[in-house]
N, C-alpha and C. Protein backbone atom coordinates (compact mmCIF):
# COMPACT_ATOMS: atom_id res chain seq x y z
N UNK A 1 -46.55 -57.41 38.80
CA UNK A 1 -47.68 -57.34 39.90
C UNK A 1 -49.18 -57.74 39.21
N UNK A 2 -49.94 -58.76 40.34
CA UNK A 2 -50.90 -59.21 39.42
C UNK A 2 -52.01 -58.77 40.33
N UNK A 3 -53.15 -58.15 39.66
CA UNK A 3 -54.46 -57.85 40.42
C UNK A 3 -55.06 -59.19 40.01
N UNK A 4 -55.83 -59.90 41.41
CA UNK A 4 -56.73 -61.14 41.52
C UNK A 4 -57.63 -60.71 42.28
N UNK A 5 -58.92 -60.05 42.31
CA UNK A 5 -59.31 -60.37 43.33
C UNK A 5 -61.07 -60.85 42.75
N UNK A 6 -61.37 -61.81 43.58
CA UNK A 6 -62.98 -62.55 43.25
C UNK A 6 -63.81 -61.10 43.66
N UNK A 7 -64.97 -61.38 43.14
CA UNK A 7 -66.67 -61.26 43.18
C UNK A 7 -66.72 -60.39 44.46
N UNK A 8 -66.53 -61.64 45.54
CA UNK A 8 -66.54 -61.01 46.76
C UNK A 8 -65.42 -59.87 47.16
N UNK A 9 -64.08 -59.90 46.69
CA UNK A 9 -62.84 -59.01 47.87
C UNK A 9 -63.76 -57.89 46.96
N UNK A 10 -64.29 -57.93 45.84
CA UNK A 10 -63.94 -56.49 45.12
C UNK A 10 -65.57 -55.77 45.71
N UNK A 11 -66.44 -56.34 45.95
CA UNK A 11 -67.36 -55.91 46.39
C UNK A 11 -66.77 -55.53 47.79
N UNK A 12 -66.59 -56.01 48.81
CA UNK A 12 -66.35 -55.69 49.97
C UNK A 12 -64.77 -54.05 50.21
N UNK A 13 -63.89 -54.42 49.16
CA UNK A 13 -63.04 -53.43 49.27
C UNK A 13 -63.21 -52.30 48.52
N UNK A 14 -62.73 -51.15 49.22
CA UNK A 14 -63.00 -49.74 49.54
C UNK A 14 -62.11 -48.74 48.51
N UNK A 15 -62.68 -48.39 47.34
CA UNK A 15 -61.50 -47.10 46.94
C UNK A 15 -61.24 -46.24 47.72
N UNK A 16 -59.59 -46.06 47.29
CA UNK A 16 -59.60 -44.93 48.00
C UNK A 16 -59.49 -43.89 47.12
N UNK A 17 -60.54 -42.96 47.03
CA UNK A 17 -60.46 -42.02 45.31
C UNK A 17 -59.94 -40.69 46.47
N UNK A 18 -58.91 -39.96 44.98
CA UNK A 18 -58.07 -39.03 45.54
C UNK A 18 -57.88 -38.35 44.09
N UNK A 19 -57.66 -37.31 44.53
CA UNK A 19 -57.21 -35.83 43.04
C UNK A 19 -55.50 -36.93 42.90
N UNK A 20 -54.94 -37.37 41.72
CA UNK A 20 -53.42 -38.57 41.77
C UNK A 20 -53.25 -37.40 40.84
N UNK A 21 -52.31 -37.18 40.43
CA UNK A 21 -51.13 -36.73 39.34
C UNK A 21 -50.46 -37.66 38.60
N UNK A 22 -51.37 -38.28 37.43
CA UNK A 22 -51.43 -39.46 36.51
C UNK A 22 -49.84 -38.78 35.82
N UNK A 23 -49.15 -37.97 35.54
CA UNK A 23 -48.32 -37.64 34.81
C UNK A 23 -46.93 -37.55 35.62
N UNK A 24 -47.36 -37.18 37.11
CA UNK A 24 -45.80 -37.96 37.70
C UNK A 24 -45.99 -38.93 38.09
N UNK A 25 -46.89 -39.76 38.22
CA UNK A 25 -47.17 -41.04 38.83
C UNK A 25 -46.16 -41.87 37.47
N UNK A 26 -46.98 -41.73 36.16
CA UNK A 26 -45.94 -42.23 34.92
C UNK A 26 -44.85 -42.04 35.26
N UNK A 27 -44.40 -40.70 35.00
CA UNK A 27 -42.94 -41.05 35.50
C UNK A 27 -42.25 -41.42 36.07
N UNK A 28 -42.71 -41.63 37.27
CA UNK A 28 -41.82 -42.51 38.72
C UNK A 28 -42.35 -43.94 37.98
N UNK A 29 -43.18 -44.54 37.49
CA UNK A 29 -43.03 -46.15 36.90
C UNK A 29 -42.13 -45.91 35.55
N UNK A 30 -42.28 -45.02 34.50
CA UNK A 30 -40.62 -45.32 33.62
C UNK A 30 -39.95 -45.91 34.23
N UNK A 31 -39.21 -44.65 35.35
CA UNK A 31 -38.02 -44.43 36.00
C UNK A 31 -38.02 -46.00 36.24
N UNK A 32 -38.54 -46.17 36.84
CA UNK A 32 -38.55 -47.83 38.07
C UNK A 32 -38.51 -48.66 36.92
N UNK A 33 -38.77 -49.19 35.50
CA UNK A 33 -38.94 -50.28 34.41
C UNK A 33 -37.54 -50.08 33.67
N UNK A 34 -36.68 -49.21 33.59
CA UNK A 34 -35.55 -49.14 32.21
C UNK A 34 -34.88 -50.10 32.89
N UNK A 35 -34.84 -50.13 34.40
CA UNK A 35 -33.69 -51.68 33.98
C UNK A 35 -34.03 -53.19 33.44
N UNK A 36 -34.97 -53.41 33.45
CA UNK A 36 -35.41 -53.96 33.19
C UNK A 36 -35.60 -54.39 31.68
N UNK A 37 -36.02 -53.28 30.93
CA UNK A 37 -36.50 -52.99 30.04
C UNK A 37 -35.23 -52.81 28.85
N UNK A 38 -34.22 -52.47 29.49
CA UNK A 38 -32.81 -52.60 28.81
C UNK A 38 -31.99 -53.40 28.59
N UNK A 39 -32.57 -55.10 29.47
CA UNK A 39 -32.08 -56.44 29.21
C UNK A 39 -32.94 -56.88 28.28
N UNK A 40 -34.26 -56.23 27.74
CA UNK A 40 -34.72 -56.83 26.49
C UNK A 40 -34.38 -56.33 25.33
N UNK A 41 -33.79 -54.81 25.36
CA UNK A 41 -33.74 -54.32 24.57
C UNK A 41 -34.52 -52.87 23.94
N UNK A 42 -35.51 -52.47 24.84
CA UNK A 42 -36.44 -51.45 24.83
C UNK A 42 -36.44 -50.75 25.31
N UNK A 43 -36.56 -49.30 24.80
CA UNK A 43 -36.80 -48.23 26.19
C UNK A 43 -37.43 -48.06 25.80
N UNK A 44 -37.63 -47.11 26.74
CA UNK A 44 -39.10 -46.37 27.37
C UNK A 44 -38.62 -45.02 27.59
N UNK A 45 -40.10 -44.32 27.21
CA UNK A 45 -40.16 -42.75 27.62
C UNK A 45 -41.50 -42.52 27.09
N UNK A 46 -41.74 -41.64 27.85
CA UNK A 46 -42.96 -40.38 28.09
C UNK A 46 -43.37 -39.40 27.55
N UNK A 47 -44.54 -39.24 26.84
CA UNK A 47 -45.15 -38.06 26.51
C UNK A 47 -46.12 -37.35 27.36
N UNK A 48 -45.73 -36.80 28.11
CA UNK A 48 -46.39 -36.68 29.36
C UNK A 48 -46.19 -34.50 29.58
N UNK A 49 -47.95 -34.07 29.87
CA UNK A 49 -47.85 -32.92 30.22
C UNK A 49 -47.16 -32.37 31.78
N UNK A 50 -46.84 -31.36 32.66
CA UNK A 50 -46.71 -30.91 33.42
C UNK A 50 -47.27 -31.70 34.49
N UNK A 51 -48.24 -31.75 35.07
CA UNK A 51 -49.20 -32.17 35.43
C UNK A 51 -50.39 -32.65 35.01
N UNK A 52 -50.85 -33.80 35.59
CA UNK A 52 -52.66 -34.37 34.54
C UNK A 52 -52.80 -34.78 35.72
N UNK A 53 -53.77 -34.70 36.02
CA UNK A 53 -54.84 -34.52 37.52
C UNK A 53 -56.05 -35.24 37.17
N UNK A 54 -56.63 -36.79 37.56
CA UNK A 54 -57.46 -37.28 37.75
C UNK A 54 -57.74 -37.57 39.34
N UNK A 55 -59.16 -37.97 39.51
CA UNK A 55 -59.62 -38.70 40.56
C UNK A 55 -59.87 -40.47 40.44
N UNK A 56 -58.87 -40.63 41.55
CA UNK A 56 -58.43 -42.28 40.93
C UNK A 56 -58.23 -42.72 42.53
N UNK A 57 -58.18 -44.04 42.82
CA UNK A 57 -57.36 -44.56 43.59
C UNK A 57 -56.11 -44.62 43.44
N UNK A 58 -55.10 -44.13 44.24
CA UNK A 58 -53.76 -44.02 43.41
C UNK A 58 -53.42 -45.29 43.49
N UNK A 59 -53.34 -46.09 44.46
CA UNK A 59 -52.89 -47.58 44.15
C UNK A 59 -53.30 -48.50 43.18
N UNK A 60 -54.71 -48.40 42.69
CA UNK A 60 -55.46 -48.77 41.99
C UNK A 60 -54.73 -48.81 40.36
N UNK A 61 -54.80 -47.38 40.48
CA UNK A 61 -54.23 -46.93 39.49
C UNK A 61 -52.41 -46.92 38.94
N UNK A 62 -51.97 -47.19 39.91
CA UNK A 62 -50.10 -47.69 39.86
C UNK A 62 -50.32 -49.45 39.14
N UNK A 63 -51.24 -49.99 39.76
CA UNK A 63 -51.60 -51.00 39.72
C UNK A 63 -51.68 -51.61 37.40
N UNK A 64 -52.43 -50.58 37.95
CA UNK A 64 -52.93 -50.42 36.10
C UNK A 64 -51.85 -49.95 35.18
N UNK A 65 -51.63 -48.60 35.27
CA UNK A 65 -50.24 -48.40 34.88
C UNK A 65 -48.97 -49.04 34.66
N UNK A 66 -48.41 -49.79 35.68
CA UNK A 66 -47.60 -50.44 35.67
C UNK A 66 -47.65 -52.11 35.44
N UNK A 67 -48.89 -52.28 35.23
CA UNK A 67 -49.11 -53.75 34.88
C UNK A 67 -48.81 -53.44 32.49
N UNK A 68 -49.43 -52.22 31.78
CA UNK A 68 -49.48 -52.05 31.26
C UNK A 68 -48.24 -51.93 30.57
N UNK A 69 -47.59 -50.95 31.20
CA UNK A 69 -46.18 -50.79 30.43
C UNK A 69 -45.16 -52.27 30.92
N UNK A 70 -45.45 -52.96 31.54
CA UNK A 70 -44.48 -54.08 32.16
C UNK A 70 -44.83 -55.16 30.72
N UNK A 71 -46.27 -54.89 29.89
CA UNK A 71 -46.92 -55.77 29.16
C UNK A 71 -46.38 -55.38 27.73
N UNK A 72 -46.37 -54.20 27.64
CA UNK A 72 -45.62 -53.27 26.44
C UNK A 72 -44.41 -53.72 26.33
N UNK A 73 -43.39 -53.40 26.96
CA UNK A 73 -42.50 -54.00 27.47
C UNK A 73 -42.04 -55.59 26.91
N UNK A 74 -42.85 -56.14 27.75
CA UNK A 74 -43.09 -57.20 26.88
C UNK A 74 -43.07 -58.40 26.02
N UNK A 75 -43.68 -57.93 25.44
CA UNK A 75 -44.53 -57.66 24.15
C UNK A 75 -44.12 -57.00 22.67
N UNK A 76 -42.84 -56.08 23.06
CA UNK A 76 -41.71 -55.41 22.46
C UNK A 76 -41.05 -56.24 21.99
N UNK A 77 -40.79 -56.57 20.79
CA UNK A 77 -38.93 -56.99 20.07
C UNK A 77 -38.19 -56.82 20.12
N UNK A 78 -38.34 -55.03 20.14
CA UNK A 78 -37.23 -54.20 19.80
C UNK A 78 -37.83 -52.71 19.64
N UNK A 79 -37.08 -51.64 20.10
CA UNK A 79 -37.70 -50.54 19.51
C UNK A 79 -38.03 -49.63 20.80
N UNK A 80 -39.24 -49.41 21.04
CA UNK A 80 -39.30 -48.58 22.48
C UNK A 80 -40.58 -48.69 22.68
N UNK A 81 -40.79 -48.26 23.39
CA UNK A 81 -42.02 -48.30 24.26
C UNK A 81 -42.74 -46.70 24.87
N UNK A 82 -43.69 -46.12 24.87
CA UNK A 82 -43.68 -44.52 24.28
C UNK A 82 -45.30 -44.53 25.63
N UNK A 83 -45.40 -43.68 26.57
CA UNK A 83 -46.42 -43.54 27.65
C UNK A 83 -46.44 -42.02 27.02
N UNK A 84 -47.80 -42.11 26.18
CA UNK A 84 -48.48 -40.66 26.15
C UNK A 84 -49.67 -39.94 26.81
N UNK A 85 -50.40 -38.79 27.37
CA UNK A 85 -51.30 -38.54 28.03
C UNK A 85 -51.43 -36.97 27.70
N UNK A 86 -52.56 -36.89 27.66
CA UNK A 86 -52.77 -35.25 27.50
C UNK A 86 -53.83 -34.93 27.83
N UNK A 87 -54.53 -33.75 28.59
CA UNK A 87 -55.12 -33.56 29.24
C UNK A 87 -56.72 -32.74 27.51
C-alpha cells in the first residue's frame, strides 16, 4: 500500500482523529503479514502491551504501520522482525 498525496490533496484532506489502540492495531497487522513473511523466511513478532492508546487517524496509522512492517520484512533476508511498543 502506498500513501501518495500531493500538497493540494494533503491540504484538502481532513484527518479523522480518534483514540486508537495502537497495540491492538499492531497485533492485527502482524497477524495479516505472516503469509508473505514466511515465503521470505522471516518471522514477525510483537512485543506489545495489552493496550496502548494514542490520538490518531486510524486509517493513516494503519497505513504507516503496515508500510513499516512490510519494509522491514522486505529488507530482512533471514531471521525475524519484531515490532515493539511501550507507553
